Protein backbone atom coordinates (compact mmCIF):
# COMPACT_ATOMS: atom_id res chain seq x y z
CA UNK A 1 0.10 -0.26 0.12
CA UNK A 2 1.13 3.77 -1.47
CA UNK A 3 2.44 5.57 1.77
CA UNK A 4 0.23 8.75 2.54
CA UNK A 5 3.13 10.77 3.57
CA UNK A 6 3.16 13.60 1.70
CA UNK A 7 6.82 14.19 0.44
CA UNK A 8 7.66 17.09 -2.18
CA UNK A 9 10.88 18.82 -0.63
CA UNK A 10 14.31 17.57 -0.40
CA UNK A 11 15.77 15.75 3.28
CA UNK A 12 18.08 17.22 5.10
CA UNK A 13 18.54 14.86 7.97
CA UNK A 14 20.53 15.83 11.53
CA UNK A 15 21.89 12.72 12.91
CA UNK A 16 24.39 11.98 15.78
CA UNK A 17 25.01 10.32 19.07
CA UNK A 18 22.99 11.65 22.32
CA UNK A 19 23.34 15.27 23.47
CA UNK A 20 25.70 16.49 20.39
CA UNK A 21 23.28 19.60 19.97
CA UNK A 22 21.01 18.39 17.48
CA UNK A 23 17.38 19.75 18.40
CA UNK A 24 19.37 23.00 18.90
CA UNK A 25 20.64 23.50 15.68
CA UNK A 26 17.34 22.24 14.43
CA UNK A 27 15.86 24.71 16.28
CA UNK A 28 17.80 27.66 15.20
CA UNK A 29 17.48 26.61 11.83
CA UNK A 30 13.94 26.56 12.01
CA UNK A 31 13.62 29.84 13.89
CA UNK A 32 11.61 28.58 16.96
CA UNK A 33 11.69 26.00 19.80
CA UNK A 34 9.88 23.12 17.90
CA UNK A 35 11.91 20.49 19.61
CA UNK A 36 12.69 20.08 23.16
CA UNK A 37 16.20 20.75 24.69
CA UNK A 38 17.65 19.57 28.34
CA UNK A 39 20.59 18.54 29.39
CA UNK A 40 19.02 15.16 29.77
CA UNK A 41 20.64 12.86 26.86
CA UNK A 42 18.25 11.29 24.62
CA UNK A 43 15.63 13.66 25.28
CA UNK A 44 14.51 13.59 21.60
CA UNK A 45 13.19 10.04 20.54
CA UNK A 46 11.22 10.48 17.35
CA UNK A 47 11.67 12.29 14.26
CA UNK A 48 10.79 16.14 13.72
CA UNK A 49 10.33 17.84 10.58
CA UNK A 50 9.90 21.23 9.86
CA UNK A 51 10.34 22.96 6.22
CA UNK A 52 12.79 25.46 5.79
CA UNK A 53 13.46 28.11 3.38
CA UNK A 54 17.44 29.78 2.54
CA UNK A 55 18.00 31.65 -0.02
CA UNK A 56 14.79 31.03 -2.11
CA UNK A 57 15.50 27.44 -1.47
CA UNK A 58 13.32 25.27 0.16
CA UNK A 59 13.84 21.61 1.91
CA UNK A 60 12.62 19.51 5.04
CA UNK A 61 14.87 19.62 7.74
CA UNK A 62 14.41 16.54 10.02
CA UNK A 63 15.69 16.21 13.62
CA UNK A 64 16.37 12.57 15.01
CA UNK A 65 16.82 10.90 18.32
CA UNK A 66 20.47 10.11 19.49
CA UNK A 67 21.56 7.07 17.91
CA UNK A 68 23.84 4.53 20.50
CA UNK A 69 24.01 0.97 21.19
CA UNK A 70 23.18 0.95 25.18
CA UNK A 71 21.01 -2.65 25.87
CA UNK A 72 20.24 -0.79 29.33
CA UNK A 73 18.12 1.86 27.63
CA UNK A 74 15.07 0.21 26.51
CA UNK A 75 14.32 2.91 23.53
CA UNK A 76 17.65 2.79 22.29
CA UNK A 77 16.76 0.02 19.52
CA UNK A 78 13.48 1.79 18.46
CA UNK A 79 15.54 5.65 18.31
CA UNK A 80 18.13 3.63 16.08
CA UNK A 81 15.42 2.21 13.57
CA UNK A 82 14.10 6.16 13.56
CA UNK A 83 17.35 7.11 12.40
CA UNK A 84 17.80 4.64 9.81
CA UNK A 85 14.46 5.47 8.05
CA UNK A 86 15.57 9.00 8.46
CA UNK A 87 18.41 8.47 6.72
CA UNK A 88 16.74 6.69 4.05
CA UNK A 89 14.64 9.19 3.37
CA UNK A 90 17.12 12.06 2.96
CA UNK A 91 19.08 13.29 0.62
CA UNK A 92 21.66 15.12 2.48
CA UNK A 93 23.11 14.15 6.07
CA UNK A 94 23.78 16.09 8.62
CA UNK A 95 25.93 14.61 11.12
CA UNK A 96 27.18 15.95 14.08
CA UNK A 97 29.78 15.43 16.73
CA UNK A 98 30.37 17.29 19.69
CA UNK A 99 33.31 19.72 19.55
CA UNK A 100 33.88 20.18 23.00
CA UNK A 101 33.61 16.59 24.12
CA UNK A 102 35.57 15.01 21.14
CA UNK A 103 34.85 11.77 19.55
CA UNK A 104 33.27 8.70 21.40
CA UNK A 105 32.51 5.38 20.18
CA UNK A 106 28.82 6.28 19.53
CA UNK A 107 30.48 8.64 17.17
CA UNK A 108 32.47 6.00 15.16
CA UNK A 109 29.12 3.83 15.44
CA UNK A 110 26.84 6.43 13.75
CA UNK A 111 29.94 7.38 11.39
CA UNK A 112 29.69 4.07 9.80
CA UNK A 113 25.82 3.44 9.48
CA UNK A 114 26.36 7.12 7.68
CA UNK A 115 29.29 6.16 4.86
CA UNK A 116 27.23 2.78 4.15
CA UNK A 117 23.98 4.61 3.17
CA UNK A 118 26.02 6.11 0.52
CA UNK A 119 24.51 9.40 0.71
CA UNK A 120 25.99 12.77 0.95
CA UNK A 121 27.15 13.77 4.13
CA UNK A 122 28.02 17.38 5.70
CA UNK A 123 29.56 16.94 8.96
CA UNK A 124 28.93 19.65 11.44
CA UNK A 125 30.89 19.95 14.87
CA UNK A 126 28.55 21.61 16.98
CA UNK A 127 29.33 23.67 20.28
CA UNK A 128 32.04 25.61 18.59
CA UNK A 129 32.47 28.56 20.26
CA UNK A 130 36.11 29.24 20.20
CA UNK A 131 38.99 28.80 17.95
CA UNK A 132 40.82 25.84 20.17
CA UNK A 133 37.53 24.01 20.23
CA UNK A 134 37.09 24.31 16.31
CA UNK A 135 41.05 23.15 15.62
CA UNK A 136 40.53 20.23 17.95
CA UNK A 137 37.50 19.09 16.28
CA UNK A 138 38.96 19.83 13.10
CA UNK A 139 41.90 17.09 13.93
CA UNK A 140 39.92 14.79 15.70
CA UNK A 141 37.00 14.10 12.59
CA UNK A 142 39.72 13.10 10.45
CA UNK A 143 39.23 9.38 12.13
CA UNK A 144 35.84 9.18 11.01
CA UNK A 145 36.59 9.18 7.01
CA UNK A 146 33.99 12.00 6.29
CA UNK A 147 36.05 15.11 5.35
CA UNK A 148 36.18 18.23 7.38
CA UNK A 149 33.66 19.46 9.61
CA UNK A 150 32.24 22.46 9.69
CA UNK A 151 32.29 24.26 13.45
CA UNK A 152 29.13 25.44 14.16
CA UNK A 153 27.44 26.77 17.13
CA UNK A 154 23.88 26.70 17.45
CA UNK A 155 23.81 29.13 20.56
CA UNK A 156 25.82 32.28 19.08
CA UNK A 157 24.44 31.81 15.60
CA UNK A 158 28.24 31.33 14.45
CA UNK A 159 28.45 29.80 10.81
CA UNK A 160 25.05 28.44 10.85
CA UNK A 161 24.26 30.65 7.63
CA UNK A 162 27.12 29.19 6.24
CA UNK A 163 26.16 25.64 6.88
CA UNK A 164 22.99 26.14 5.13
CA UNK A 165 24.89 27.50 1.81
CA UNK A 166 26.49 24.07 1.95
CA UNK A 167 23.27 22.54 2.31
CA UNK A 168 21.32 24.11 -0.81
CA UNK A 169 24.55 23.26 -2.93
CA UNK A 170 23.81 19.62 -2.15
CA UNK A 171 20.13 19.74 -2.68
CA UNK A 172 17.79 19.84 -5.56
CA UNK A 173 16.38 22.97 -6.84
CA UNK A 174 12.70 22.86 -6.04
CA UNK A 175 10.10 24.94 -8.00
CA UNK A 176 7.35 26.97 -6.14
CA UNK A 177 4.74 24.45 -4.64
CA UNK A 178 1.46 25.08 -4.57
CA UNK A 179 -0.12 26.32 -1.47
CA UNK A 180 -2.29 23.44 0.49
CA UNK A 181 -4.97 23.93 2.59
CA UNK A 182 -4.11 21.29 5.33
CA UNK A 183 -6.39 20.16 8.15
CA UNK A 184 -4.24 20.46 11.27
CA UNK A 185 -5.40 17.47 13.39
CA UNK A 186 -3.84 17.20 16.83
CA UNK A 187 -4.49 13.90 18.40
CA UNK A 188 -4.59 14.79 22.33
CA UNK A 189 -4.76 12.40 25.31
CA UNK A 190 -3.47 10.99 28.34
CA UNK A 191 -0.55 8.93 28.53
CA UNK A 192 -0.33 5.37 27.00
CA UNK A 193 -3.82 5.98 25.12
CA UNK A 194 -2.45 5.11 21.91
CA UNK A 195 -1.57 8.53 20.14
CA UNK A 196 1.82 7.30 18.23
CA UNK A 197 -0.29 4.20 17.36
CA UNK A 198 -2.70 6.10 15.56
CA UNK A 199 -0.10 8.26 14.16
CA UNK A 200 1.83 5.31 12.29
CA UNK A 201 -1.19 3.34 11.05
CA UNK A 202 -2.26 6.67 9.41
CA UNK A 203 0.88 7.39 7.97
CA UNK A 204 1.31 3.63 6.30
CA UNK A 205 4.58 2.98 8.84
CA UNK A 206 6.53 3.15 11.49
CA UNK A 207 7.03 7.19 12.24
CA UNK A 208 6.87 7.31 15.49
CA UNK A 209 8.16 5.28 18.59
CA UNK A 210 5.24 3.10 20.20
CA UNK A 211 5.92 1.36 23.62
CA UNK A 212 4.18 0.30 26.40
CA UNK A 213 5.89 2.74 28.60
CA UNK A 214 3.79 5.74 29.53
CA UNK A 215 5.19 9.26 27.96
CA UNK A 216 7.26 7.81 25.28
CA UNK A 217 6.13 10.63 23.13
CA UNK A 218 7.78 13.78 24.06
CA UNK A 219 7.98 16.45 21.29
CA UNK A 220 5.00 16.99 18.89
CA UNK A 221 5.35 15.61 16.20
CA UNK A 222 4.11 17.36 12.41
CA UNK A 223 3.29 14.88 9.55
CA UNK A 224 1.87 15.84 6.08
CA UNK A 225 -0.59 12.68 4.84
CA UNK A 226 -2.78 13.27 1.36
CA UNK A 227 -5.54 10.63 1.59
CA UNK A 228 -8.56 10.39 -0.28
CA UNK A 229 -10.58 12.43 2.76
CA UNK A 230 -8.33 15.25 1.99
CA UNK A 231 -4.68 16.62 2.97
CA UNK A 232 -4.19 16.76 6.75
CA UNK A 233 -1.23 17.96 8.82
CA UNK A 234 -1.37 15.06 12.02
CA UNK A 235 0.05 16.34 15.11
CA UNK A 236 1.26 13.31 17.69
CA UNK A 237 1.17 15.01 21.34
CA UNK A 238 2.78 13.81 24.26
CA UNK A 239 0.25 12.65 26.84
CA UNK A 240 -1.35 15.38 29.13
CA UNK A 241 -1.11 14.58 32.74
CA UNK A 242 -2.88 16.31 35.64
CA UNK A 243 -0.63 19.19 36.93
CA UNK A 244 -0.32 17.36 40.18
CA UNK A 245 1.17 14.49 38.11
CA UNK A 246 3.78 16.56 36.35
CA UNK A 247 6.97 15.63 36.30
CA UNK A 248 10.19 18.37 36.36
CA UNK A 249 12.13 19.13 33.03
CA UNK A 250 11.41 17.19 29.94
CA UNK A 251 7.44 15.77 30.92
CA UNK A 252 6.54 19.43 31.79
CA UNK A 253 8.12 20.75 28.46
CA UNK A 254 6.00 18.05 26.64
CA UNK A 255 2.59 18.71 28.43
CA UNK A 256 3.55 22.34 27.20
CA UNK A 257 4.02 21.33 23.91
CA UNK A 258 0.87 19.22 23.36
CA UNK A 259 -0.92 22.67 24.48
CA UNK A 260 0.66 24.40 22.02
CA UNK A 261 -0.49 21.74 19.86
CA UNK A 262 -3.89 22.76 20.48
CA UNK A 263 -3.71 26.47 19.94
CA UNK A 264 -1.94 25.91 16.61
CA UNK A 265 -4.64 23.16 15.26
CA UNK A 266 -7.85 23.52 13.36
CA UNK A 267 -9.42 20.33 14.95
CA UNK A 268 -8.38 18.54 18.29
CA UNK A 269 -8.55 14.76 18.23
CA UNK A 270 -9.16 13.33 21.44
CA UNK A 271 -8.39 9.54 21.91
CA UNK A 272 -9.76 7.81 24.83
CA UNK A 273 -9.06 4.58 25.88
CA UNK A 274 -11.91 2.29 24.93
CA UNK A 275 -11.55 -0.02 27.38
CA UNK A 276 -11.72 2.24 30.57
CA UNK A 277 -14.03 5.01 28.80
CA UNK A 278 -13.71 8.93 29.41
CA UNK A 279 -12.13 9.82 32.68
CA UNK A 280 -12.08 12.62 34.60
CA UNK A 281 -8.50 13.47 33.26
CA UNK A 282 -9.89 13.20 29.38
CA UNK A 283 -12.50 15.58 30.48
CA UNK A 284 -9.86 18.12 31.94
CA UNK A 285 -7.89 17.88 28.44
CA UNK A 286 -11.43 18.56 26.61
CA UNK A 287 -12.01 21.96 28.23
CA UNK A 288 -8.93 22.77 27.18
CA UNK A 289 -10.19 22.39 23.43
CA UNK A 290 -13.14 24.34 24.00
CA UNK A 291 -10.78 27.25 26.14
CA UNK A 292 -8.82 27.16 22.87
CA UNK A 293 -12.02 27.43 20.87
CA UNK A 294 -10.89 24.37 18.51
CA UNK A 295 -13.13 21.81 16.45
CA UNK A 296 -13.36 18.44 18.35
CA UNK A 297 -13.25 15.07 17.42
CA UNK A 298 -13.92 12.11 20.16
CA UNK A 299 -11.92 9.11 19.19
CA UNK A 300 -12.75 5.87 21.37
CA UNK A 301 -9.72 3.24 20.49
CA UNK A 302 -9.10 -0.10 21.41
CA UNK A 303 -12.27 -1.46 20.00
CA UNK A 304 -10.77 -4.35 19.04
CA UNK A 305 -10.65 -4.99 22.38
CA UNK A 306 -13.95 -5.44 22.59
CA UNK A 307 -16.00 -8.57 22.68
CA UNK A 308 -19.49 -7.44 22.36
CA UNK A 309 -18.80 -4.51 20.27
CA UNK A 310 -22.31 -3.23 19.62
CA UNK A 311 -22.92 -3.31 24.05
CA UNK A 312 -19.69 -1.60 24.35
CA UNK A 313 -20.37 0.85 21.75
CA UNK A 314 -23.72 2.21 23.52
CA UNK A 315 -21.93 1.71 26.91
CA UNK A 316 -18.99 4.22 25.64
CA UNK A 317 -21.45 6.44 24.09
CA UNK A 318 -23.84 7.00 27.48
CA UNK A 319 -20.70 7.19 29.82
CA UNK A 320 -18.79 9.68 27.30
CA UNK A 321 -22.13 12.08 27.18
CA UNK A 322 -22.29 11.66 30.74
CA UNK A 323 -18.84 12.65 31.25
CA UNK A 324 -18.89 15.48 28.39
CA UNK A 325 -22.07 17.36 28.87
CA UNK A 326 -20.41 20.45 28.30
CA UNK A 327 -19.46 19.44 24.80
CA UNK A 328 -22.94 18.35 23.39
CA UNK A 329 -21.52 19.37 19.61
CA UNK A 330 -18.64 17.03 19.42
CA UNK A 331 -18.19 14.62 16.77
CA UNK A 332 -17.74 11.18 18.20
CA UNK A 333 -16.41 7.98 16.58
CA UNK A 334 -15.12 4.57 17.11
CA UNK A 335 -11.81 3.29 16.12
CA UNK A 336 -9.06 0.58 16.52
CA UNK A 337 -5.33 2.15 15.80
CA UNK A 338 -3.90 -1.03 16.29
CA UNK A 339 -6.11 -2.52 13.21
CA UNK A 340 -6.66 0.22 11.09
CA UNK A 341 -10.22 0.27 11.70
CA UNK A 342 -12.64 3.60 11.27
CA UNK A 343 -9.43 5.66 10.23
CA UNK A 344 -11.43 6.94 6.99
CA UNK A 345 -14.79 7.88 8.99
CA UNK A 346 -11.98 9.23 11.68
CA UNK A 347 -10.54 11.81 8.51
CA UNK A 348 -13.96 12.31 7.34
CA UNK A 349 -15.53 13.88 10.64
CA UNK A 350 -11.98 15.93 10.96
CA UNK A 351 -12.54 17.39 7.54
CA UNK A 352 -16.28 18.20 8.18
CA UNK A 353 -15.11 19.60 11.74
CA UNK A 354 -12.83 22.00 9.87
CA UNK A 355 -15.38 22.93 7.20
CA UNK A 356 -17.98 24.01 9.82
CA UNK A 357 -15.52 26.28 11.52
CA UNK A 358 -15.69 28.30 8.21
CA UNK A 359 -19.40 28.63 7.62
CA UNK A 360 -20.66 32.25 7.90
CA UNK A 361 -24.11 33.57 8.53
CA UNK A 362 -25.66 36.00 6.64
CA UNK A 363 -26.15 39.04 9.36
CA UNK A 364 -30.02 39.55 8.54
CA UNK A 365 -30.76 35.64 9.06
CA UNK A 366 -28.52 35.62 12.59
CA UNK A 367 -30.57 38.66 13.71
CA UNK A 368 -34.17 37.09 12.84
CA UNK A 369 -32.70 34.11 15.01
CA UNK A 370 -31.64 36.19 17.81
CA UNK A 371 -34.96 37.88 17.97
CA UNK A 372 -37.18 34.68 18.12
CA UNK A 373 -34.91 33.52 20.98
CA UNK A 374 -35.40 36.66 22.71
CA UNK A 375 -39.30 36.82 22.03
CA UNK A 376 -39.45 33.19 23.23
CA UNK A 377 -37.45 33.59 26.55
CA UNK A 378 -36.80 37.06 27.14
CA UNK A 379 -33.25 38.04 29.52
CA UNK A 380 -33.97 38.01 33.18
CA UNK A 381 -34.24 41.14 35.18
CA UNK A 382 -30.81 41.70 36.91
CA UNK A 383 -30.03 44.07 39.49
CA UNK A 384 -33.25 46.05 38.75
CA UNK A 385 -32.42 46.06 35.05
CA UNK A 386 -33.10 44.34 31.96
CA UNK A 387 -30.46 43.30 29.08
CA UNK A 388 -32.01 44.60 25.93
CA UNK A 389 -30.17 42.26 23.69
CA UNK A 390 -30.52 45.00 19.93
CA UNK A 391 -28.84 43.19 17.12
CA UNK A 392 -26.02 41.01 16.52
CA UNK A 393 -23.15 40.22 13.48
CA UNK A 394 -20.76 37.42 12.39
CA UNK A 395 -17.17 38.74 13.08
CA UNK A 396 -15.23 35.83 11.72
CA UNK A 397 -14.55 32.14 11.19
CA UNK A 398 -11.97 29.58 12.37
CA UNK A 399 -13.96 29.70 14.97
CA UNK A 400 -17.07 31.21 14.07
CA UNK A 401 -17.29 34.43 15.99
CA UNK A 402 -20.51 36.27 16.59
CA UNK A 403 -20.97 39.71 18.26
CA UNK A 404 -24.34 40.48 19.65
CA UNK A 405 -24.49 44.24 20.94
CA UNK A 406 -26.63 44.58 24.10
CA UNK A 407 -27.19 47.29 26.28
CA UNK A 408 -24.98 46.21 28.83
CA UNK A 409 -22.86 43.26 29.01
CA UNK A 410 -22.57 43.50 32.66
CA UNK A 411 -26.18 42.30 33.57
CA UNK A 412 -25.47 39.51 31.36
CA UNK A 413 -25.99 36.09 33.34
CA UNK A 414 -23.82 33.17 31.87
CA UNK A 415 -26.84 31.24 31.64
CA UNK A 416 -28.51 33.55 29.24
CA UNK A 417 -25.22 33.73 27.22
CA UNK A 418 -25.90 30.00 27.24
CA UNK A 419 -28.98 29.96 25.83
CA UNK A 420 -27.86 32.49 22.70
CA UNK A 421 -25.32 30.29 22.02
CA UNK A 422 -27.62 27.30 21.41
CA UNK A 423 -29.93 29.04 19.57
CA UNK A 424 -27.17 30.02 16.90
CA UNK A 425 -26.76 26.34 16.64
CA UNK A 426 -30.26 24.95 16.43
CA UNK A 427 -30.55 27.26 13.70
CA UNK A 428 -26.89 26.90 11.70
CA UNK A 429 -24.97 23.34 11.96
CA UNK A 430 -21.82 23.67 13.88
CA UNK A 431 -21.58 20.60 14.83
CA UNK A 432 -18.13 19.57 15.40
CA UNK A 433 -16.13 23.27 16.91
CA UNK A 434 -16.48 25.59 19.16
CA UNK A 435 -18.10 28.72 18.49
CA UNK A 436 -17.53 32.41 20.07
CA UNK A 437 -20.44 34.73 21.10
CA UNK A 438 -19.16 37.95 22.55
CA UNK A 439 -21.55 40.42 23.90
CA UNK A 440 -20.28 44.38 23.74
CA UNK A 441 -22.44 47.70 24.43
CA UNK A 442 -23.56 49.31 21.58
CA UNK A 443 -21.51 52.17 22.53
CA UNK A 444 -18.32 49.77 21.66
CA UNK A 445 -19.56 49.05 18.17
CA UNK A 446 -18.16 51.00 15.11
CA UNK A 447 -20.74 51.06 12.75
CA UNK A 448 -24.11 49.47 12.35
CA UNK A 449 -24.54 47.32 9.14
């Protein structure tokens, strides 16, 4: 089966042993803190990708985990497999060594793998922030048989531009690519509910590390896929724990990345463990999506473990609706990430939620709906004053945002806010996405339509 992963740019893979500064270099080139950086070796485990433009040339940069042979590390062979996949898919390898620490046995191991790949290689001596380190790194690097290293410091921006000049010399020119209107889906949920397995199933390959150990995924992994259901960017995220259960360092950064992934997605996909149902933590995560005003699809995973699927599906539906009463508009589906069951339907729902976020309501129709709602159920009197609803307009999309002008927003009761939102939802199909209803005093209007 053809992989749905979209790939139209030349790929440059950053490889090297753990803790040589690969992720720092990746972040410097990309221009943002996309990869988590900690002093702890082995922080990066999965492949991270980002599109880069330099001197009107574009390529895809891939950050990888540290390559090493360590039987004591349960992730060592899994990370190694990801590194080999990145090398195989690349047109150029950026092989990083540490100018401070010198060569190690792991450097020689990965150098052998790089040589055997037959791919073009640009060796980079990272953390080279003084001349003595540069000279020592160049002299020692001869042992690897991959030519002279380029001394680079991501922290101090030393020779990063020169490195990129050399990178594009090795790559084929790519003509301008058409703009792609991809639906961004953030896969979120508690630790160990099957998020990475789902990403691999959607990708059609082992794109991220899957382990029974909770907390395996740390970074937010972006992956473009093209499917019959549409073009998507899937973001696999670390499991979100309750604040009191968070550890320090890497784990806390991982949860921050997951929250950021929600902020930049169109639709959040909340993955729920079908063997236990919706938990209080699942409801907490769903609340984050609501606060961010995003689309939401709830996917009940692991239905392959259900013996009586009809009964379990009915139970899961009741249990979920009971726990997520504040999200009656969320779309729901049932899947098995392991067996690939229900994935086309899952993508269809995500595309549907994205389209709903773009719906615009004519101003006249909107005001007719609001007037009927107010006439049917007038606002209550608050502090001897009654709220007067004057008129409404749609201010934007993604998410659908409505401004309702009133005489005094300070006397608006939260229950009446919900009532007006419900009236809008009953008239228009916003199933699958949050909407924003903002109440303003008439004096705040710019111009009445």
